Every structure is written in structure tokens, then in C-alpha cells.
Amino acid sequence: MSEIILVTGAAGQLGQRVIHHLIETYKVAPGNIVAATRSPEKLSELEKKGVVTRKADFDEAAGLEKAFAGVDRLLIISTDALDTPGKRLAQHKGAVAAAVKAGVKHIAYTSMPAPDDSLVTFAPDHLGSENAIKASGIAHTIIRDAWYHDNYLHGMPHNLQGGKWYSATGDGKISTISRDDCALAIAAALASGTSESATYTLTGAQSLNNRQIAAIVSDVAGKPLEVIDVNDEQLGQGMRGAGLPGFVADMLVSADANTRAGKFDIVTEDFTKLTGKQPQPLKDFFVAHKAALTA
């Protein structure tokens, strides 16, 4: 009998790609996959493929235990509840407690690089969640995803239009990886059948500073892009002035500060260890998403 794998956040971008790779890349039978989300009606396409769909609301602990019933492997994709401090950690702890009650045999969790040594505002959520999983006594796979290549597609089109990228990263370097590569590696871990506990950090093959990244963007887009160094306060004010919510601006400023401090300058071979492949370089990603980059 094959294992039953449940993916939370299945309607989200990462969850969709994890399920895609479970089915298409690792040939897991759709009937052995449970896609769970707050709004199962969003999962009709997966249902047509034979994937089981269930409701899982991280704010309803009793419902989570029911959702996790009969599941062997559980993937907890970290929630997006970043607007209220402490909410996300409480949600994740509730999910771990529900997994224990439901008899789940293995928990996988999407974390971030070095959450125990980070300036990023949400790092304590990840560290607390990892610790809750370890304390549960259930075998686990912690998958620490580096900053996504994809995140650059939010602000970079605007930067290109003005030819200026305001940054507080200084000379700090960061190694980024595509969301799809993270999904591929997560799916590999879920499909592996391992009973061991392990922690992986998924990064690209190299670390780059913002001027190197700007040069790649400029090359692909065919437009000039100048990096303008600012301090944390100036960056935060600029983002708030552009209409970003305070907690988002604070998060992005903290990410720049983390890069500046060298805490995102982490390169591992864990992606290759899990998938047997090389991660997609940032330039190749930008070439593939040129339309979005130059929008």
C-alpha cells in the first residue's frame, strides 16, 4: 500500500507546483495525494485528475485533525499570516498538534535559511515551527527555501521603468532559487519514502550582490538599471510611500538588512542531493520570464 501524502496550502503557488511534480515528475498516483486548503472549491482541476481534496483551515484546530486523518506524510507549507505577529507560529503549532493526534508518520515543513541567525522579521515563526515539529517526536523533513528568484518579478519591472533600484543590501550577497525548483525538491523529499529526519537548505549554485543581479536584469531586459544605495529607514519610507502595507515594508527592509549582514550568503548542494539536477540560474529564470520582467 502506497503512502498517503497531504499537501497544505494546495491552492497556493508553491502547493500547486509540489502536487504537479509529485504526479508528473515522481509519478505518485493522484489517489494517494490529498490536496488541502481553506477553500477546496479552488481545487476542482486537481479533483478531476483524481487527487483527493479536503478542507484545512489553520485557524480551526479540530478541523485540521479531521483533515489529516489517514495521512502518512504531511507537508505543512508555511502560511501567509504575516500581518499579525505570532499568528503564523500559532497556526503551525496547531497543525503539528493535529498531526500528532491524527497519527501522521512524517512531517515536512517549508522554512527559511538559518532561521536561528536571521534579521528577517518572520524568522522567529520558522524557528518556532521547526522546534515544535522536532518536539512532536514525529520523523520530519525541514526544507529551508532560499529567497525565490520569483520575488524579483514584483519590484523589478517598476525599477526597470525608472532605471533605478533602491537597495539597502550594500555589498551583501544572496543565493536565490526558483519557486518551481523548491517545489521539485520538496516533491522529491515527499516521494522518497524516507523515515529519517533531515534538514535541507535549498539555494542556487552561487551568491550574487545587487549590482551583479542588476547587471543580469539589465542584460536580459535590454534596459539600463542603476543600483542606488539607501539605508533601512530610507528604504522603508520609500516602500510605504509607494503604498506597501507597513508589515510588508518592514519585512522587505529586514530581508535587505539580512543580506547586508551576510546572513543570506548561503550556498548548498541540497537541491542536487534531493533531485539529481542543477538549480535554474537566475539569468535563465529572467530569460524565461522576460515578459513579466519588462511588463
Protein backbone atom coordinates (compact mmCIF):
# COMPACT_ATOMS: atom_id res chain seq x y z
CA MET A 1 0.00 0.00 0.00
CA SER A 2 1.48 3.34 -1.03
CA GLU A 3 1.72 6.20 1.40
CA ILE A 4 -0.88 8.94 1.54
CA ILE A 5 0.72 12.38 1.12
CA LEU A 6 -1.17 15.52 2.17
CA VAL A 7 -0.13 18.98 0.95
CA THR A 8 -1.49 22.01 2.83
CA GLY A 9 -1.84 25.34 1.03
CA ALA A 10 -2.63 23.34 -2.10
CA ALA A 11 -4.31 26.27 -3.85
CA GLY A 12 -1.20 28.43 -3.41
CA GLN A 13 1.61 28.80 -5.93
CA LEU A 14 4.09 26.52 -4.15
CA GLY A 15 1.46 23.92 -3.24
CA GLN A 16 0.23 23.67 -6.83
CA ARG A 17 3.76 23.10 -8.12
CA VAL A 18 4.57 20.49 -5.42
CA ILE A 19 1.48 18.49 -6.42
CA HIS A 20 2.37 18.93 -10.11
CA HIS A 21 5.82 17.42 -9.51
CA LEU A 22 4.50 14.62 -7.29
CA ILE A 23 2.24 13.50 -10.14
CA GLU A 24 4.23 14.40 -13.27
CA THR A 25 7.87 14.10 -12.18
CA TYR A 26 7.76 11.45 -9.44
CA LYS A 27 4.73 9.53 -10.74
CA VAL A 28 2.86 9.41 -7.42
CA ALA A 29 -0.68 8.12 -8.03
CA PRO A 30 -3.15 11.06 -7.78
CA GLY A 31 -5.35 8.95 -5.49
CA ASN A 32 -2.51 8.84 -2.94
CA ILE A 33 -2.32 12.65 -2.79
CA VAL A 34 -4.57 14.80 -0.59
CA ALA A 35 -4.71 18.48 -1.53
CA ALA A 36 -5.86 20.59 1.41
CA THR A 37 -6.79 24.27 1.58
CA ARG A 38 -9.21 26.68 3.25
CA SER A 39 -11.27 26.77 0.05
CA PRO A 40 -11.43 23.27 -1.51
CA GLU A 41 -13.66 24.60 -4.31
CA LYS A 42 -10.47 26.11 -5.78
CA LEU A 43 -9.10 22.60 -6.31
CA SER A 44 -11.60 21.31 -8.88
CA GLU A 45 -8.88 20.82 -11.54
CA LEU A 46 -6.91 18.59 -9.18
CA GLU A 47 -10.05 16.68 -8.30
CA LYS A 48 -10.58 15.92 -12.00
CA LYS A 49 -7.11 14.33 -12.03
CA GLY A 50 -8.08 12.03 -9.15
CA VAL A 51 -6.45 13.95 -6.32
CA VAL A 52 -8.40 13.84 -3.03
CA THR A 53 -9.35 17.31 -1.78
CA ARG A 54 -10.06 18.32 1.81
CA LYS A 55 -10.69 21.49 3.76
CA ALA A 56 -7.87 22.51 6.10
CA ASP A 57 -8.13 25.84 7.87
CA PHE A 58 -5.12 26.56 10.10
CA ASP A 59 -7.34 28.64 12.37
CA GLU A 60 -9.61 25.64 13.10
CA ALA A 61 -7.57 23.08 15.04
CA ALA A 62 -10.38 20.50 15.30
CA GLY A 63 -10.89 20.60 11.53
CA LEU A 64 -7.19 20.04 10.93
CA GLU A 65 -7.20 16.77 12.87
CA LYS A 66 -10.05 15.56 10.66
CA ALA A 67 -8.24 16.75 7.51
CA PHE A 68 -5.06 14.89 8.48
CA ALA A 69 -6.82 11.59 9.27
CA GLY A 70 -5.32 8.59 7.47
CA VAL A 71 -2.34 10.62 6.20
CA ASP A 72 1.19 9.14 6.30
CA ARG A 73 3.20 12.17 5.13
CA LEU A 74 2.14 15.73 5.79
CA LEU A 75 3.63 18.77 4.06
CA ILE A 76 3.00 21.95 6.07
CA ILE A 77 3.55 24.87 3.71
CA SER A 78 4.08 27.90 5.94
CA THR A 79 1.01 30.14 5.89
CA ASP A 80 0.90 33.75 4.70
CA ALA A 81 -0.43 35.14 8.01
CA LEU A 82 2.29 37.76 8.40
CA ASP A 83 0.13 40.76 9.26
CA THR A 84 -0.43 39.76 12.91
CA PRO A 85 2.71 38.96 14.96
CA GLY A 86 2.60 35.45 16.41
CA LYS A 87 -0.38 34.31 14.34
CA ARG A 88 1.57 32.18 11.89
CA LEU A 89 3.53 30.37 14.60
CA ALA A 90 0.29 29.63 16.46
CA GLN A 91 -1.22 28.23 13.24
CA HIS A 92 1.77 25.98 12.61
CA LYS A 93 1.85 24.72 16.21
CA GLY A 94 -1.85 23.89 15.89
CA ALA A 95 -1.14 21.93 12.70
CA VAL A 96 1.67 19.96 14.37
CA ALA A 97 -0.57 19.14 17.35
CA ALA A 98 -3.31 17.98 14.94
CA ALA A 99 -0.77 15.82 13.09
CA VAL A 100 0.22 14.13 16.35
CA LYS A 101 -3.43 13.41 17.20
CA ALA A 102 -4.14 12.13 13.67
CA GLY A 103 -1.21 9.70 13.79
CA VAL A 104 0.77 11.25 10.92
CA LYS A 105 4.08 9.38 10.48
CA HIS A 106 6.22 12.08 8.84
CA ILE A 107 6.02 15.89 8.71
CA ALA A 108 7.71 18.03 6.07
CA TYR A 109 7.81 21.79 6.58
CA THR A 110 8.83 24.74 4.39
CA SER A 111 11.16 27.00 6.36
CA MET A 112 13.85 29.58 5.54
CA PRO A 113 17.67 29.52 5.61
CA ALA A 114 19.25 29.84 9.07
CA PRO A 115 16.13 31.00 10.96
CA ASP A 116 18.14 30.81 14.19
CA ASP A 117 20.51 33.54 12.94
CA SER A 118 18.41 35.97 10.94
CA LEU A 119 17.30 39.60 10.91
CA VAL A 120 14.21 38.80 8.83
CA THR A 121 11.01 39.75 10.66
CA PHE A 122 9.36 36.35 10.20
CA ALA A 123 12.40 34.20 11.09
CA PRO A 124 11.11 33.52 14.65
CA ASP A 125 7.93 31.99 13.13
CA HIS A 126 10.04 29.49 11.21
CA LEU A 127 12.39 28.71 14.08
CA GLY A 128 9.45 28.18 16.45
CA SER A 129 7.69 25.97 13.90
CA GLU A 130 10.82 23.85 13.34
CA ASN A 131 11.21 23.43 17.11
CA ALA A 132 7.54 22.43 17.51
CA ILE A 133 7.96 19.77 14.82
CA LYS A 134 11.15 18.43 16.43
CA ALA A 135 9.45 18.38 19.85
CA SER A 136 6.50 16.37 18.45
CA GLY A 137 8.61 13.22 18.18
CA ILE A 138 7.40 12.65 14.60
CA ALA A 139 10.05 11.97 11.92
CA HIS A 140 10.46 15.13 9.87
CA THR A 141 12.00 16.81 6.83
CA ILE A 142 12.68 20.53 7.28
CA ILE A 143 13.12 22.22 3.90
CA ARG A 144 14.58 25.71 4.17
CA ASP A 145 13.81 27.57 0.95
CA ALA A 146 16.11 30.43 -0.01
CA TRP A 147 14.67 33.71 -1.35
CA TYR A 148 12.83 32.96 -4.60
CA HIS A 149 14.05 34.21 -7.98
CA ASP A 150 10.33 34.88 -8.48
CA ASN A 151 10.31 37.59 -5.79
CA TYR A 152 12.28 39.89 -8.10
CA LEU A 153 9.35 39.95 -10.52
CA HIS A 154 7.35 42.04 -8.00
CA GLY A 155 9.52 45.16 -7.89
CA MET A 156 11.95 44.78 -10.79
CA PRO A 157 9.55 45.82 -13.62
CA HIS A 158 8.98 49.12 -11.75
CA ASN A 159 12.73 49.51 -11.16
CA LEU A 160 13.44 48.99 -14.87
CA GLN A 161 10.90 51.63 -15.88
CA GLY A 162 12.75 54.26 -13.85
CA GLY A 163 16.19 52.74 -14.40
CA LYS A 164 16.88 52.77 -10.65
CA TRP A 165 16.86 50.05 -7.99
CA TYR A 166 16.85 51.40 -4.44
CA SER A 167 18.52 48.85 -2.19
CA ALA A 168 19.84 48.58 1.36
CA THR A 169 21.78 45.35 0.81
CA GLY A 170 25.15 47.09 0.45
CA ASP A 171 27.77 44.62 -0.75
CA GLY A 172 25.94 41.68 0.81
CA LYS A 173 25.35 38.60 -1.34
CA ILE A 174 22.30 36.38 -1.62
CA SER A 175 21.75 32.99 -3.23
CA THR A 176 18.28 32.68 -4.74
CA ILE A 177 16.36 29.75 -6.26
CA SER A 178 13.19 29.46 -8.29
CA ARG A 179 9.92 28.56 -6.59
CA ASP A 180 9.48 25.71 -9.07
CA ASP A 181 12.87 24.24 -8.17
CA CYS A 182 11.88 24.38 -4.49
CA ALA A 183 8.64 22.56 -5.36
CA LEU A 184 10.60 19.94 -7.29
CA ALA A 185 12.92 19.28 -4.33
CA ILE A 186 10.05 19.22 -1.83
CA ALA A 187 8.18 16.72 -4.02
CA ALA A 188 11.35 14.59 -4.22
CA ALA A 189 11.58 14.53 -0.43
CA LEU A 190 7.88 13.64 -0.06
CA ALA A 191 8.09 10.86 -2.67
CA SER A 192 11.32 9.39 -1.25
CA GLY A 193 9.59 7.30 1.41
CA THR A 194 12.31 8.18 3.92
CA SER A 195 11.74 7.51 7.60
CA GLU A 196 14.81 9.53 8.61
CA SER A 197 14.69 13.09 9.96
CA ALA A 198 16.71 15.65 7.98
CA THR A 199 17.07 19.38 7.32
CA TYR A 200 17.82 20.70 3.83
CA THR A 201 18.59 24.25 2.70
CA LEU A 202 17.60 24.88 -0.93
CA THR A 203 19.72 27.57 -2.61
CA GLY A 204 21.00 28.46 -6.03
CA ALA A 205 24.51 27.47 -7.14
CA GLN A 206 26.03 30.92 -6.47
CA SER A 207 25.61 34.03 -4.35
CA LEU A 208 25.31 37.43 -6.04
CA ASN A 209 25.31 41.02 -4.81
CA ASN A 210 22.70 43.50 -6.02
CA ARG A 211 25.00 45.03 -8.65
CA GLN A 212 25.61 41.61 -10.18
CA ILE A 213 21.85 40.95 -10.12
CA ALA A 214 21.16 44.37 -11.68
CA ALA A 215 23.64 43.60 -14.47
CA ILE A 216 21.80 40.34 -15.22
CA VAL A 217 18.41 42.11 -15.21
CA SER A 218 19.75 44.87 -17.46
CA ASP A 219 21.25 42.35 -19.88
CA VAL A 220 18.06 40.31 -20.18
CA ALA A 221 15.70 43.32 -20.35
CA GLY A 222 17.93 45.36 -22.65
CA LYS A 223 17.48 48.39 -20.38
CA PRO A 224 19.88 50.15 -18.01
CA LEU A 225 19.43 49.58 -14.27
CA GLU A 226 21.42 51.53 -11.69
CA VAL A 227 21.61 50.43 -8.06
CA ILE A 228 21.04 53.32 -5.63
CA ASP A 229 22.30 52.57 -2.11
CA VAL A 230 19.95 53.70 0.65
CA ASN A 231 19.72 52.96 4.37
CA ASP A 232 17.00 50.90 6.04
CA GLU A 233 14.98 53.94 7.07
CA GLN A 234 15.01 55.45 3.56
CA LEU A 235 14.06 52.13 2.00
CA GLY A 236 11.15 51.66 4.43
CA GLN A 237 9.88 55.19 3.86
CA GLY A 238 10.05 54.73 0.08
CA MET A 239 8.11 51.47 0.23
CA ARG A 240 5.42 52.94 2.49
CA GLY A 241 5.25 55.94 0.19
CA ALA A 242 4.66 53.54 -2.72
CA GLY A 243 1.64 52.16 -0.85
CA LEU A 244 3.02 48.94 0.61
CA PRO A 245 1.48 47.90 3.96
CA GLY A 246 3.75 48.57 6.94
CA PHE A 247 4.37 44.89 7.75
CA VAL A 248 5.38 44.17 4.13
CA ALA A 249 7.74 47.16 4.04
CA ASP A 250 9.28 46.07 7.37
CA MET A 251 9.72 42.52 6.07
CA LEU A 252 11.44 43.65 2.87
CA VAL A 253 13.71 46.07 4.75
CA SER A 254 14.65 43.27 7.17
CA ALA A 255 15.47 41.00 4.20
CA ASP A 256 17.82 43.65 2.78
CA ALA A 257 19.42 44.05 6.23
CA ASN A 258 19.86 40.27 6.43
CA THR A 259 21.55 40.25 3.03
CA ARG A 260 23.79 43.18 4.00
CA ALA A 261 24.87 41.28 7.14
CA GLY A 262 25.89 38.28 5.01
CA LYS A 263 23.23 36.02 6.52
CA PHE A 264 21.69 35.10 3.12
CA ASP A 265 25.10 34.27 1.64
CA ILE A 266 24.50 30.53 1.88
CA VAL A 267 25.14 28.06 -0.94
CA THR A 268 24.43 24.34 -0.53
CA GLU A 269 24.14 21.32 -2.80
CA ASP A 270 20.97 20.12 -1.07
CA PHE A 271 18.82 20.80 -4.16
CA THR A 272 21.04 18.50 -6.24
CA LYS A 273 21.16 15.95 -3.39
CA LEU A 274 17.36 15.72 -3.46
CA THR A 275 16.69 15.98 -7.21
CA GLY A 276 19.87 14.94 -9.03
CA LYS A 277 19.59 18.18 -11.02
CA GLN A 278 21.22 21.62 -11.01
CA PRO A 279 19.09 24.59 -9.87
CA GLN A 280 17.98 27.04 -12.57
CA PRO A 281 20.38 30.03 -12.67
CA LEU A 282 18.89 33.47 -12.06
CA LYS A 283 19.68 34.62 -15.61
CA ASP A 284 17.87 31.63 -17.14
CA PHE A 285 14.89 32.39 -14.91
CA PHE A 286 14.78 36.02 -16.06
CA VAL A 287 15.06 34.95 -19.71
CA ALA A 288 12.13 32.56 -19.22
CA HIS A 289 10.09 35.32 -17.54
CA LYS A 290 11.22 38.24 -19.71
CA ALA A 291 7.64 39.31 -20.43
CA ALA A 292 6.88 39.70 -16.71
CA LEU A 293 10.26 41.34 -16.06
CA THR A 294 9.72 44.02 -18.69
CA ALA A 295 5.96 44.46 -18.11
